[in-house]
Amino acid sequence: MEADAAASVARPVPSDPAARAAWDVAATVTDPEVPVLTIEDLGVLRSVAVDDDGAVHVELTPTYSGCPAMDAMRDDVVLALTHAGYDEVDVRMVLAPAWTTDWMSEAGKDKLRKYGIQAPSGNAPVRDAGPIRLQLAVKCPRCDSLNTRELARFGSTSCKALYECRDCLEPFDYFKVL
């Protein structure tokens, strides 16, 4: 999938009023690992549909397969929707297409930076043959310096790397481009 195609599926908000109302409730659920982000900010919330009998069907795509936060997200979506008055809620995990950082909203990336985690920069690499893009520098979310270095490929979670700013000397997480 090319970057333009990935970006075009980033915000699959339903146009049906009933589904949109359920989407708005599900979209309030936060990521248990990064509580400043909603599942909508992350692009993990993929679809919401409401049957004629009022049953809500939600699809979530994990940031990576085996993400331990997905069970909590699923439970939180069910809780939010049942608390909002929906009697029957079904939440499914959908692995294809695979989640990409291209699906994160700009508002979500801004929330990450303000929280002290550098948001992913650039688009997810296309997995076809050809040149591989290399990240030259990661900007510090505190002082905006590019004088940073990777300390560990895996940070507080598998989707983040641990970096250090050589100017302000602060460590920070970097949300990897996937």
Protein backbone atom coordinates (compact mmCIF):
# COMPACT_ATOMS: atom_id res chain seq x y z
CA MET A 1 0.00 0.00 0.00
CA GLU A 2 1.43 3.37 -0.91
CA ALA A 3 1.58 6.22 1.60
CA ASP A 4 -1.23 8.13 -0.15
CA ALA A 5 -3.46 5.06 -0.01
CA ALA A 6 -2.63 4.56 3.68
CA ALA A 7 -3.44 8.18 4.45
CA SER A 8 -6.77 7.91 2.64
CA VAL A 9 -7.96 5.18 5.04
CA ALA A 10 -6.68 6.93 8.13
CA ARG A 11 -10.01 8.46 9.18
CA PRO A 12 -12.78 5.97 8.32
CA VAL A 13 -15.43 7.90 10.30
CA PRO A 14 -18.91 6.56 9.37
CA SER A 15 -21.41 8.85 7.67
CA ASP A 16 -24.48 6.98 9.03
CA PRO A 17 -25.78 9.03 12.01
CA ALA A 18 -26.29 6.00 14.30
CA ALA A 19 -22.83 4.64 13.54
CA ARG A 20 -21.32 8.13 13.89
CA ALA A 21 -22.87 8.49 17.36
CA ALA A 22 -21.39 5.14 18.44
CA TRP A 23 -18.04 6.11 16.83
CA ASP A 24 -17.99 9.33 18.88
CA VAL A 25 -18.39 7.31 22.09
CA ALA A 26 -15.74 4.73 21.13
CA ALA A 27 -13.38 7.53 20.06
CA THR A 28 -13.20 8.78 23.67
CA VAL A 29 -11.38 5.63 24.81
CA THR A 30 -7.73 6.32 25.62
CA ASP A 31 -4.64 4.24 25.07
CA PRO A 32 -3.79 2.60 28.44
CA GLU A 33 -0.05 2.99 27.76
CA VAL A 34 -0.17 6.61 26.55
CA PRO A 35 -3.29 8.04 28.22
CA VAL A 36 -3.13 11.41 26.42
CA LEU A 37 -4.03 9.63 23.16
CA THR A 38 -7.43 8.32 22.19
CA ILE A 39 -7.79 5.24 20.04
CA GLU A 40 -9.02 7.61 17.33
CA ASP A 41 -5.83 9.73 17.65
CA LEU A 42 -3.80 6.55 17.20
CA GLY A 43 -5.82 5.37 14.21
CA VAL A 44 -6.51 2.10 16.03
CA LEU A 45 -10.29 2.67 15.82
CA ARG A 46 -10.99 1.35 12.31
CA SER A 47 -14.75 1.01 11.94
CA VAL A 48 -18.05 1.26 13.79
CA ALA A 49 -21.38 -0.04 12.48
CA VAL A 50 -24.80 -0.26 14.08
CA ASP A 51 -27.28 -3.01 13.08
CA ASP A 52 -30.99 -2.40 12.58
CA ASP A 53 -31.54 -3.98 16.01
CA GLY A 54 -29.07 -1.54 17.64
CA ALA A 55 -26.10 -3.89 18.05
CA VAL A 56 -22.77 -2.06 17.72
CA HIS A 57 -19.87 -3.66 15.86
CA VAL A 58 -16.42 -2.10 16.34
CA GLU A 59 -13.16 -3.01 14.63
CA LEU A 60 -9.77 -2.15 16.16
CA THR A 61 -6.37 -2.66 14.55
CA PRO A 62 -3.48 -3.16 17.00
CA THR A 63 -0.36 -1.07 16.58
CA TYR A 64 1.52 -4.35 16.35
CA SER A 65 0.43 -7.95 16.70
CA GLY A 66 0.60 -9.04 20.30
CA CYS A 67 0.21 -5.49 21.68
CA PRO A 68 -0.70 -6.04 25.36
CA ALA A 69 -2.83 -2.88 25.45
CA MET A 70 -5.41 -4.24 22.99
CA ASP A 71 -7.33 -6.29 25.57
CA ALA A 72 -7.69 -3.20 27.76
CA MET A 73 -8.73 -1.08 24.75
CA ARG A 74 -11.35 -3.67 23.75
CA ASP A 75 -12.74 -3.81 27.29
CA ASP A 76 -12.76 0.00 27.55
CA VAL A 77 -14.65 0.32 24.24
CA VAL A 78 -17.27 -2.19 25.44
CA LEU A 79 -17.56 -0.34 28.76
CA ALA A 80 -17.86 3.10 27.12
CA LEU A 81 -20.54 1.96 24.69
CA THR A 82 -22.59 0.01 27.25
CA HIS A 83 -22.35 2.97 29.64
CA ALA A 84 -23.69 5.17 26.80
CA GLY A 85 -26.75 2.90 26.53
CA TYR A 86 -25.81 0.40 23.83
CA ASP A 87 -26.97 -3.05 24.97
CA GLU A 88 -25.06 -5.24 22.53
CA VAL A 89 -21.43 -4.42 21.66
CA ASP A 90 -19.07 -6.60 19.63
CA VAL A 91 -15.40 -5.58 19.31
CA ARG A 92 -13.14 -7.41 16.86
CA MET A 93 -9.41 -7.14 16.30
CA VAL A 94 -8.55 -6.70 12.62
CA LEU A 95 -4.95 -7.35 11.54
CA ALA A 96 -5.24 -6.44 7.85
CA PRO A 97 -4.39 -3.96 6.64
CA ALA A 98 -1.62 -3.66 9.21
CA TRP A 99 -1.61 -0.52 11.36
CA THR A 100 0.84 2.20 10.33
CA THR A 101 1.94 5.39 12.05
CA ASP A 102 0.52 7.15 8.98
CA TRP A 103 -2.90 6.53 10.56
CA MET A 104 -2.09 8.72 13.59
CA SER A 105 -3.83 12.09 13.56
CA GLU A 106 -1.82 15.30 13.58
CA ALA A 107 -3.61 16.19 16.83
CA GLY A 108 -2.43 12.87 18.28
CA LYS A 109 1.15 13.53 17.22
CA ASP A 110 0.96 16.96 18.85
CA LYS A 111 -0.41 15.40 22.07
CA LEU A 112 2.52 12.95 22.07
CA ARG A 113 5.08 15.76 21.79
CA LYS A 114 3.43 17.72 24.62
CA TYR A 115 3.45 14.54 26.71
CA GLY A 116 7.22 14.21 26.17
CA ILE A 117 7.23 11.50 23.49
CA GLN A 118 8.53 12.45 20.08
CA ALA A 119 5.93 11.59 17.47
CA PRO A 120 6.88 9.51 14.44
CA SER A 121 8.28 11.58 11.62
CA GLY A 122 7.86 10.78 7.96
CA ASN A 123 5.69 8.13 6.42
CA ALA A 124 5.88 4.43 7.03
CA PRO A 125 8.26 2.82 4.53
CA VAL A 126 6.76 1.09 1.54
CA ARG A 127 7.76 -2.56 1.84
CA ASP A 128 8.36 -3.08 -1.89
CA ALA A 129 11.78 -3.34 -3.50
CA GLY A 130 13.74 -0.12 -3.75
CA PRO A 131 15.65 2.24 -1.52
CA ILE A 132 15.12 2.15 2.22
CA ARG A 133 14.67 5.50 3.92
CA LEU A 134 16.90 6.12 6.92
CA GLN A 135 16.01 8.38 9.80
CA LEU A 136 18.78 10.96 10.13
CA ALA A 137 17.73 12.64 13.36
CA VAL A 138 14.96 12.61 15.95
CA LYS A 139 13.97 16.00 17.35
CA CYS A 140 13.83 16.39 21.13
CA PRO A 141 10.21 17.04 22.23
CA ARG A 142 11.41 19.34 25.01
CA CYS A 143 13.94 21.68 23.38
CA ASP A 144 13.51 20.85 19.63
CA SER A 145 17.20 20.00 19.26
CA LEU A 146 18.24 17.52 16.59
CA ASN A 147 21.36 16.68 18.62
CA THR A 148 19.92 13.39 19.92
CA ARG A 149 20.97 9.77 20.06
CA GLU A 150 19.22 6.45 20.41
CA LEU A 151 19.93 4.76 23.74
CA ALA A 152 17.78 1.66 23.22
CA ARG A 153 15.82 0.40 20.22
CA PHE A 154 12.96 -0.56 22.55
CA GLY A 155 11.73 1.94 25.13
CA SER A 156 8.88 1.76 27.61
CA THR A 157 6.85 -0.21 25.04
CA SER A 158 7.84 -2.11 21.90
CA CYS A 159 6.48 0.63 19.63
CA LYS A 160 8.82 3.23 21.14
CA ALA A 161 12.60 3.70 21.23
CA LEU A 162 14.52 5.42 24.03
CA TYR A 163 16.48 8.53 23.03
CA GLU A 164 18.56 11.14 24.80
CA CYS A 165 18.97 14.80 23.91
CA ARG A 166 22.62 15.81 23.96
CA ASP A 167 21.71 19.49 24.46
CA CYS A 168 19.18 19.46 27.31
CA LEU A 169 20.35 15.99 28.50
CA GLU A 170 16.78 14.74 28.90
CA PRO A 171 15.80 11.19 27.94
CA PHE A 172 12.61 10.76 25.90
CA ASP A 173 10.62 8.12 24.09
CA TYR A 174 10.33 8.22 20.30
CA PHE A 175 7.23 6.62 18.77
CA LYS A 176 8.74 4.58 15.94
CA VAL A 177 7.56 4.87 12.34
CA LEU A 178 5.82 1.60 11.50
